[in-house]
Protein backbone atom coordinates (compact mmCIF):
# COMPACT_ATOMS: atom_id res chain seq x y z
CA UNK A 1 0.23 -0.03 -0.04
CA UNK A 2 1.34 3.48 -1.08
CA UNK A 3 2.37 5.81 1.55
CA UNK A 4 0.57 9.15 1.86
CA UNK A 5 2.08 12.31 2.55
CA UNK A 6 0.12 14.71 4.99
CA UNK A 7 2.12 17.70 4.09
CA UNK A 8 1.89 20.33 2.51
CA UNK A 9 -2.10 20.72 3.38
CA UNK A 10 -4.22 22.96 1.28
CA UNK A 11 -6.90 23.61 3.99
CA UNK A 12 -10.41 22.27 4.60
CA UNK A 13 -12.60 20.32 1.79
CA UNK A 14 -15.54 18.70 2.35
CA UNK A 15 -17.34 18.96 -0.78
CA UNK A 16 -15.16 16.56 -2.98
CA UNK A 17 -14.69 13.23 -3.12
CA UNK A 18 -11.93 11.20 -1.15
CA UNK A 19 -10.19 10.47 -4.70
CA UNK A 20 -10.01 14.29 -5.19
CA UNK A 21 -8.73 15.32 -1.97
CA UNK A 22 -4.82 14.87 -3.14
CA UNK A 23 -3.45 16.89 -5.56
CA UNK A 24 -0.30 15.50 -7.34
CA UNK A 25 1.98 17.22 -9.37
CA UNK A 26 4.73 19.84 -8.71
CA UNK A 27 2.66 21.38 -6.14
CA UNK A 28 1.40 18.44 -4.54
CA UNK A 29 -1.18 19.14 -1.87
CA UNK A 30 -3.77 17.26 0.62
CA UNK A 31 -7.24 18.55 1.65
CA UNK A 32 -8.31 17.45 4.88
CA UNK A 33 -12.27 17.21 5.72
CA UNK A 34 -11.71 18.70 9.10
CA UNK A 35 -8.99 20.65 11.29
CA UNK A 36 -9.72 21.43 14.87
CA UNK A 37 -7.51 23.33 17.32
CA UNK A 38 -4.91 24.09 14.21
CA UNK A 39 -4.27 26.86 11.89
CA UNK A 40 -2.95 25.93 8.63
CA UNK A 41 -0.27 28.05 7.38
CA UNK A 42 0.43 29.37 3.81
CA UNK A 43 3.37 26.70 3.59
CA UNK A 44 0.80 23.93 4.07
CA UNK A 45 2.19 23.23 7.61
CA UNK A 46 -0.56 22.48 10.59
CA UNK A 47 -0.10 24.95 13.79
CA UNK A 48 -1.65 24.21 17.07
CA UNK A 49 -4.39 27.04 17.23
CA UNK A 50 -3.38 29.28 20.42
CA UNK A 51 -5.69 28.59 23.38
CA UNK A 52 -8.01 30.55 25.07
CA UNK A 53 -9.31 31.80 28.54
CA UNK A 54 -11.95 33.76 30.07
CA UNK A 55 -10.99 37.07 30.81
CA UNK A 56 -13.90 38.39 32.64
CA UNK A 57 -17.17 37.12 34.01
CA UNK A 58 -19.48 40.25 33.33
CA UNK A 59 -21.71 39.34 30.44
CA UNK A 60 -20.46 42.05 28.08
CA UNK A 61 -22.23 41.75 24.34
CA UNK A 62 -22.01 43.59 21.38
CA UNK A 63 -18.00 44.07 21.77
CA UNK A 64 -16.58 46.71 19.59
CA UNK A 65 -13.47 48.22 18.94
CA UNK A 66 -13.01 51.76 17.34
CA UNK A 67 -10.71 51.33 14.64
CA UNK A 68 -9.91 55.21 14.91
CA UNK A 69 -9.39 55.73 18.50
CA UNK A 70 -8.57 52.00 19.86
CA UNK A 71 -11.21 52.01 22.82
CA UNK A 72 -13.33 49.34 23.34
CA UNK A 73 -17.16 49.69 23.69
CA UNK A 74 -20.30 47.16 24.29
CA UNK A 75 -23.47 46.64 26.28
CA UNK A 76 -24.37 45.31 29.36
CA UNK A 77 -27.69 44.99 30.59
CA UNK A 78 -29.11 47.52 28.32
CA UNK A 79 -26.32 49.87 29.13
CA UNK A 80 -23.64 51.20 26.82
CA UNK A 81 -20.70 51.05 28.30
CA UNK A 82 -16.94 51.92 27.66
CA UNK A 83 -14.70 48.92 28.12
CA UNK A 84 -11.13 48.83 29.26
CA UNK A 85 -9.84 45.70 28.23
CA UNK A 86 -7.05 45.27 30.65
CA UNK A 87 -8.50 45.03 33.78
CA UNK A 88 -12.28 44.30 31.77
CA UNK A 89 -13.67 47.10 33.87
CA UNK A 90 -16.27 49.47 32.34
CA UNK A 91 -17.89 53.09 32.33
CA UNK A 92 -21.26 53.50 31.81
CA UNK A 93 -21.87 56.08 28.66
CA UNK A 94 -25.92 55.87 28.38
CA UNK A 95 -29.21 53.78 28.56
CA UNK A 96 -29.30 51.98 24.63
CA UNK A 97 -30.99 49.04 25.56
CA UNK A 98 -30.09 45.11 24.21
CA UNK A 99 -28.26 44.96 21.04
CA UNK A 100 -25.89 47.84 19.59
CA UNK A 101 -23.99 48.34 16.04
CA UNK A 102 -21.35 50.69 16.10
CA UNK A 103 -19.33 53.18 13.59
CA UNK A 104 -16.86 55.77 13.45
CA UNK A 105 -18.75 59.03 12.50
CA UNK A 106 -17.35 62.31 11.64
CA UNK A 107 -14.35 61.63 14.21
CA UNK A 108 -16.94 60.39 16.94
CA UNK A 109 -18.24 57.12 17.77
CA UNK A 110 -21.12 56.35 17.53
CA UNK A 111 -24.00 53.11 18.27
CA UNK A 112 -27.40 52.49 17.23
CA UNK A 113 -29.47 51.02 19.75
CA UNK A 114 -33.06 50.30 20.53
CA UNK A 115 -33.12 53.45 22.75
CA UNK A 116 -32.20 55.72 19.54
CA UNK A 117 -28.53 56.97 17.99
CA UNK A 118 -25.66 58.01 20.59
CA UNK A 119 -22.28 59.60 19.75
CA UNK A 120 -19.26 59.62 22.38
CA UNK A 121 -16.53 62.28 22.03
CA UNK A 122 -13.66 60.93 24.65
CA UNK A 123 -15.82 62.80 27.48
CA UNK A 124 -19.00 61.91 27.11
CA UNK A 125 -21.99 60.54 25.51
CA UNK A 126 -24.88 61.98 24.11
CA UNK A 127 -27.85 61.76 21.92
CA UNK A 128 -27.21 62.18 18.11
CA UNK A 129 -30.60 63.36 17.25
CA UNK A 130 -32.80 66.32 18.40
CA UNK A 131 -36.42 66.28 18.52
CA UNK A 132 -38.54 68.49 16.15
CA UNK A 133 -40.17 70.96 18.20
CA UNK A 134 -43.79 71.55 17.97
CA UNK A 135 -45.46 74.48 16.59
CA UNK A 136 -45.29 77.82 18.34
CA UNK A 137 -48.53 79.64 19.49
CA UNK A 138 -48.84 82.92 18.22
CA UNK A 139 -50.39 85.88 19.57
CA UNK A 140 -51.83 89.21 17.94
CA UNK A 141 -50.49 92.14 20.40
CA UNK A 142 -49.90 95.94 20.16
CA UNK A 143 -46.99 97.21 18.01
CA UNK A 144 -46.19 98.22 14.85
CA UNK A 145 -46.20 95.68 11.95
CA UNK A 146 -48.01 95.96 8.98
CA UNK A 147 -51.23 94.36 9.12
CA UNK A 148 -51.49 91.12 7.07
CA UNK A 149 -50.83 87.03 7.71
CA UNK A 150 -47.51 85.60 9.15
CA UNK A 151 -46.28 82.68 9.71
CA UNK A 152 -43.76 81.37 12.01
CA UNK A 153 -41.78 77.93 12.83
CA UNK A 154 -39.18 76.86 15.40
CA UNK A 155 -36.05 74.93 15.30
CA UNK A 156 -33.69 73.60 18.45
CA UNK A 157 -30.26 73.97 18.46
CA UNK A 158 -27.66 72.48 19.81
CA UNK A 159 -24.38 74.06 19.48
CA UNK A 160 -24.23 74.18 15.76
CA UNK A 161 -26.21 71.65 15.51
CA UNK A 162 -30.05 72.24 14.61
CA UNK A 163 -33.22 70.09 14.69
CA UNK A 164 -35.98 69.62 12.03
CA UNK A 165 -38.06 72.89 11.83
CA UNK A 166 -41.40 72.48 13.79
CA UNK A 167 -44.86 73.06 11.73
CA UNK A 168 -45.86 76.16 10.30
CA UNK A 169 -48.32 78.41 12.50
CA UNK A 170 -49.77 81.37 11.11
CA UNK A 171 -51.93 84.53 12.83
CA UNK A 172 -53.64 87.33 11.34
CA UNK A 173 -52.02 90.85 12.78
CA UNK A 174 -54.18 93.99 12.06
CA UNK A 175 -53.48 97.32 12.46
CA UNK A 176 -51.07 98.87 14.65
CA UNK A 177 -50.33 95.18 15.82
CA UNK A 178 -47.19 93.33 16.87
CA UNK A 179 -46.55 89.32 17.26
CA UNK A 180 -46.13 87.09 20.48
CA UNK A 181 -44.64 83.78 19.37
CA UNK A 182 -44.87 81.14 22.58
CA UNK A 183 -42.53 78.31 22.73
CA UNK A 184 -43.27 75.21 23.68
CA UNK A 185 -41.49 73.48 26.75
CA UNK A 186 -37.92 73.16 26.77
CA UNK A 187 -37.30 69.51 27.79
CA UNK A 188 -34.07 68.60 25.95
CA UNK A 189 -31.26 69.38 28.62
CA UNK A 190 -28.76 69.67 25.93
CA UNK A 191 -30.46 72.10 23.69
CA UNK A 192 -28.58 75.53 23.68
CA UNK A 193 -30.83 77.61 21.88
CA UNK A 194 -33.76 77.93 19.76
CA UNK A 195 -34.17 79.08 16.45
CA UNK A 196 -37.26 81.41 15.05
CA UNK A 197 -38.51 81.49 11.35
CA UNK A 198 -40.88 83.96 10.11
CA UNK A 199 -42.63 84.80 7.00
CA UNK A 200 -43.29 88.05 5.45
CA UNK A 201 -46.48 89.68 5.21
CA UNK A 202 -49.10 87.88 3.75
CA UNK A 203 -46.83 84.47 3.44
CA UNK A 204 -43.92 83.53 1.43
CA UNK A 205 -40.17 81.66 2.42
CA UNK A 206 -39.78 81.05 6.28
CA UNK A 207 -36.66 82.77 7.06
CA UNK A 208 -34.20 83.11 10.09
CA UNK A 209 -35.54 85.71 12.35
CA UNK A 210 -33.01 85.43 15.42
CA UNK A 211 -31.75 82.60 17.72
CA UNK A 212 -32.78 83.04 21.52
CA UNK A 213 -31.32 81.19 24.75
CA UNK A 214 -33.00 77.75 25.50
CA UNK A 215 -35.75 78.10 28.26
CA UNK A 216 -37.10 81.30 26.63
CA UNK A 217 -40.93 81.15 27.13
CA UNK A 218 -42.08 84.04 24.69
CA UNK A 219 -40.46 86.29 21.92
CA UNK A 220 -41.88 89.69 21.69
CA UNK A 221 -42.11 91.18 17.99
CA UNK A 222 -43.50 94.94 17.96
CA UNK A 223 -41.44 95.08 14.38
CA UNK A 224 -40.68 92.69 11.48
CA UNK A 225 -36.87 91.81 12.36
CA UNK A 226 -34.27 91.84 9.57
CA UNK A 227 -34.71 88.04 7.68
CA UNK A 228 -31.88 86.01 6.90
CA UNK A 229 -31.24 82.61 5.39
CA UNK A 230 -34.47 80.15 4.63
CA UNK A 231 -34.98 77.49 7.05
CA UNK A 232 -33.17 74.42 5.41
CA UNK A 233 -34.45 71.11 7.24
CA UNK A 234 -38.18 71.71 6.64
CA UNK A 235 -40.15 68.58 6.49
CA UNK A 236 -37.13 66.53 7.79
CA UNK A 237 -37.16 64.45 10.88
CA UNK A 238 -34.65 62.90 13.48
CA UNK A 239 -32.93 59.87 11.88
CA UNK A 240 -34.17 56.93 13.00
CA UNK A 241 -32.27 54.16 14.77
CA UNK A 242 -31.61 50.42 13.47
CA UNK A 243 -30.20 47.12 14.20
CA UNK A 244 -27.69 47.69 11.68
CA UNK A 245 -25.42 50.69 11.58
CA UNK A 246 -23.01 52.38 9.16
CA UNK A 247 -21.34 55.74 7.46
CA UNK A 248 -20.80 56.02 3.61
CA UNK A 249 -19.98 58.99 1.65
CA UNK A 250 -21.06 61.61 4.15
CA UNK A 251 -24.49 60.19 5.10
CA UNK A 252 -25.46 57.53 7.83
CA UNK A 253 -26.95 54.39 7.36
CA UNK A 254 -29.49 52.10 9.36
CA UNK A 255 -31.35 48.98 8.58
CA UNK A 256 -34.26 47.39 10.50
CA UNK A 257 -36.48 44.68 9.10
CA UNK A 258 -36.15 45.42 5.28
CA UNK A 259 -35.57 49.13 5.18
CA UNK A 260 -32.47 50.78 4.56
CA UNK A 261 -32.59 54.47 5.56
CA UNK A 262 -29.87 57.06 4.81
CA UNK A 263 -29.66 60.18 6.70
CA UNK A 264 -28.73 64.15 5.08
CA UNK A 265 -25.71 64.50 3.83
CA UNK A 266 -23.57 65.70 6.40
CA UNK A 267 -26.39 66.34 8.75
CA UNK A 268 -26.27 62.86 9.65
CA UNK A 269 -29.38 63.56 12.86
CA UNK A 270 -31.29 64.46 10.04
CA UNK A 271 -33.86 62.22 7.92
CA UNK A 272 -36.50 62.41 4.98
CA UNK A 273 -38.91 60.41 5.86
CA UNK A 274 -40.97 60.80 2.41
CA UNK A 275 -37.61 59.65 0.35
CA UNK A 276 -34.41 58.43 1.91
CA UNK A 277 -34.93 55.07 2.37
CA UNK A 278 -35.16 51.86 -0.08
CA UNK A 279 -37.22 48.97 0.74
CA UNK A 280 -35.46 45.79 0.23
CA UNK A 281 -37.10 42.49 -1.12
CA UNK A 282 -36.13 40.60 2.12
CA UNK A 283 -35.28 41.19 5.52
CA UNK A 284 -31.91 42.78 6.03
CA UNK A 285 -29.16 40.57 7.63
CA UNK A 286 -25.95 42.73 6.93
CA UNK A 287 -25.13 46.62 5.69
CA UNK A 288 -21.43 46.97 4.28
CA UNK A 289 -20.36 49.80 2.30
CA UNK A 290 -17.60 50.17 -0.15
CA UNK A 291 -16.25 52.54 -2.59
CA UNK A 292 -18.56 51.53 -5.18
CA UNK A 293 -21.99 51.05 -3.38
CA UNK A 294 -23.27 49.15 -0.32
CA UNK A 295 -23.69 45.25 0.23
CA UNK A 296 -26.83 44.35 1.50
CA UNK A 297 -27.39 40.88 2.81
CA UNK A 298 -30.51 39.45 2.26
CA UNK A 299 -32.37 36.36 3.69
CA UNK A 300 -31.14 33.89 1.11
CA UNK A 301 -29.07 35.95 -1.17
CA UNK A 302 -27.11 39.54 -1.56
CA UNK A 303 -27.65 42.47 -2.91
CA UNK A 304 -25.10 45.53 -4.14
CA UNK A 305 -26.57 49.31 -4.26
CA UNK A 306 -24.79 50.51 -7.14
CA UNK A 307 -24.02 54.20 -6.94
CA UNK A 308 -22.09 56.92 -5.71
CA UNK A 309 -25.37 58.76 -4.15
CA UNK A 310 -28.49 56.86 -2.58
CA UNK A 311 -30.36 58.74 -5.60
CA UNK A 312 -28.16 56.90 -8.06
CA UNK A 313 -28.52 53.57 -6.79
CA UNK A 314 -29.25 50.62 -8.89
CA UNK A 315 -30.06 47.53 -7.25
CA UNK A 316 -28.33 44.18 -8.58
CA UNK A 317 -29.22 41.11 -7.04
CA UNK A 318 -26.27 38.46 -6.57
CA UNK A 319 -26.54 34.66 -6.65
CA UNK A 320 -24.69 34.28 -3.28
CA UNK A 321 -25.73 31.48 -0.53
CA UNK A 322 -27.36 32.69 2.31
CA UNK A 323 -25.39 34.99 4.31
CA UNK A 324 -24.80 34.89 8.14
CA UNK A 325 -26.77 37.57 9.80
CA UNK A 326 -23.99 39.77 10.96
CA UNK A 327 -21.32 38.28 9.72
CA UNK A 328 -19.95 40.94 7.25
CA UNK A 329 -16.97 43.09 7.96
CA UNK A 330 -14.62 45.51 5.85
CA UNK A 331 -10.89 44.16 5.16
CA UNK A 332 -8.28 46.01 3.80
CA UNK A 333 -6.40 45.34 1.27
CA UNK A 334 -3.27 43.99 2.84
CA UNK A 335 -5.29 40.81 4.12
CA UNK A 336 -7.12 39.82 0.83
CA UNK A 337 -4.54 41.28 -1.51
CA UNK A 338 -5.11 40.22 -5.50
CA UNK A 339 -7.78 41.69 -7.98
CA UNK A 340 -10.45 41.43 -4.70
CA UNK A 341 -8.84 44.82 -3.61
CA UNK A 342 -7.73 46.41 -6.70
CA UNK A 343 -6.87 50.13 -6.48
CA UNK A 344 -6.08 50.05 -2.89
CA UNK A 345 -10.20 49.68 -1.99
CA UNK A 346 -11.41 47.84 0.52
CA UNK A 347 -13.65 44.67 0.30
CA UNK A 348 -16.83 43.54 1.99
CA UNK A 349 -16.54 39.55 3.34
CA UNK A 350 -19.34 37.47 4.87
CA UNK A 351 -19.64 33.94 6.07
CA UNK A 352 -22.32 32.21 4.05
CA UNK A 353 -23.16 28.62 3.88
CA UNK A 354 -20.34 27.79 1.51
CA UNK A 355 -17.73 29.67 3.13
CA UNK A 356 -16.09 33.26 2.96
CA UNK A 357 -17.80 35.91 0.11
CA UNK A 358 -16.21 38.75 -0.97
CA UNK A 359 -17.85 41.86 -2.31
CA UNK A 360 -15.76 44.07 -4.12
CA UNK A 361 -15.57 48.04 -4.41
CA UNK A 362 -16.78 47.25 -8.12
CA UNK A 363 -19.54 45.35 -7.02
CA UNK A 364 -17.93 41.88 -8.32
CA UNK A 365 -18.95 38.92 -6.08
CA UNK A 366 -16.38 36.18 -5.14
CA UNK A 367 -17.02 32.96 -3.46
CA UNK A 368 -13.48 32.45 -2.09
CA UNK A 369 -14.68 28.51 -0.87
CA UNK A 370 -17.28 27.65 -3.44
CA UNK A 371 -16.59 24.04 -4.26
CA UNK A 372 -14.55 23.42 -1.13
CA UNK A 373 -16.91 24.24 2.10
CA UNK A 374 -20.50 23.41 2.49
CA UNK A 375 -23.25 22.95 5.31
CA UNK A 376 -21.90 26.09 7.20
CA UNK A 377 -25.40 27.38 9.02
CA UNK A 378 -25.67 29.88 11.98
CA UNK A 379 -28.00 31.99 13.85
CA UNK A 380 -25.72 35.11 13.39
CA UNK A 381 -22.00 35.93 13.57
CA UNK A 382 -19.45 38.33 14.21
CA UNK A 383 -16.38 38.65 12.03
CA UNK A 384 -12.68 40.39 12.65
CA UNK A 385 -9.39 40.62 11.13
CA UNK A 386 -6.83 39.28 13.14
CA UNK A 387 -3.37 38.73 12.32
CA UNK A 388 -4.05 39.13 8.38
CA UNK A 389 -6.47 36.08 9.39
CA UNK A 390 -10.43 36.19 8.94
CA UNK A 391 -12.29 34.73 12.49
CA UNK A 392 -15.68 34.38 12.43
CA UNK A 393 -17.42 33.93 16.08
CA UNK A 394 -20.98 32.06 15.44
CA UNK A 395 -23.99 31.13 17.42
């Protein structure tokens, strides 16, 4: 009986027949059905995988490390926490709820959870969005306004951040009249000011009339003030949260169910409920942007939204096997190499029933283990790049 050399190893293959497990020739290789607790090197050697040990008894969930700041975050009993990976202690940042998705947003750490969207600047966490105020109460008073119909609307301010504009309120002012604007109750402690918009006499565009400190209860206008820029955030709402969060080309993306939503460009806290969404055919299982578009996981396939802006997206269905929920990760060029990251672009990689699948920045789909692996199944997974090796933990 001829001897069979075990080295070098080509990796795992649970698809091919036994006779096809060995390759001869100048580059002789041997596939194995499974490899437990070992890593196979590029040279074909089996190296014992480093062991694992429990580092903490605290049941942290949704653990994520910022690629920009190197800080570690997670959730614990519904709280968003920053974790010290040396001592495995933590600082509570905000009440978030169970389940979190993280992203780096304009130099800040952003998280999406059941309680909403939050950011962390290294010192404190606060809600990303601002509620849209209700319409102001308008009453006529004595003054020197020209008689006619006037309209008014409000917006909250947090520093330079402006909320969506309230509904328009209008009132008829008679001769020798003035306008009193009663602001709604101020409930958000992070609000620093309110901004008033007015129309000119007998209608027209809402124009900026001025800013007043937070807590101002009433504004008396005996004359029409000098009006400035028009209201830019009319008919916009606070950006909704989702099960998945990503940043792409100056916009924030969130997904829940089968709906993918996006924020206004460079105004991440605002969302157009009428137009800024796309409804996918199936439940979304991951969202991973790349340079040429956005890869979106579906229940039994994946889709690529091709285009440089959401208004230009063209949906392409890709014939991929079912992806594992949440297993997508952005992989740098030095890990994949070759044509997958041509031009130095990062690629999206996720785990599917037949192994890892790469989605390139140009929208090409490459099944890295097609014909080699099969039968991978999991309810969800989390992927990381560690030491130029892609690792996915599944449950």
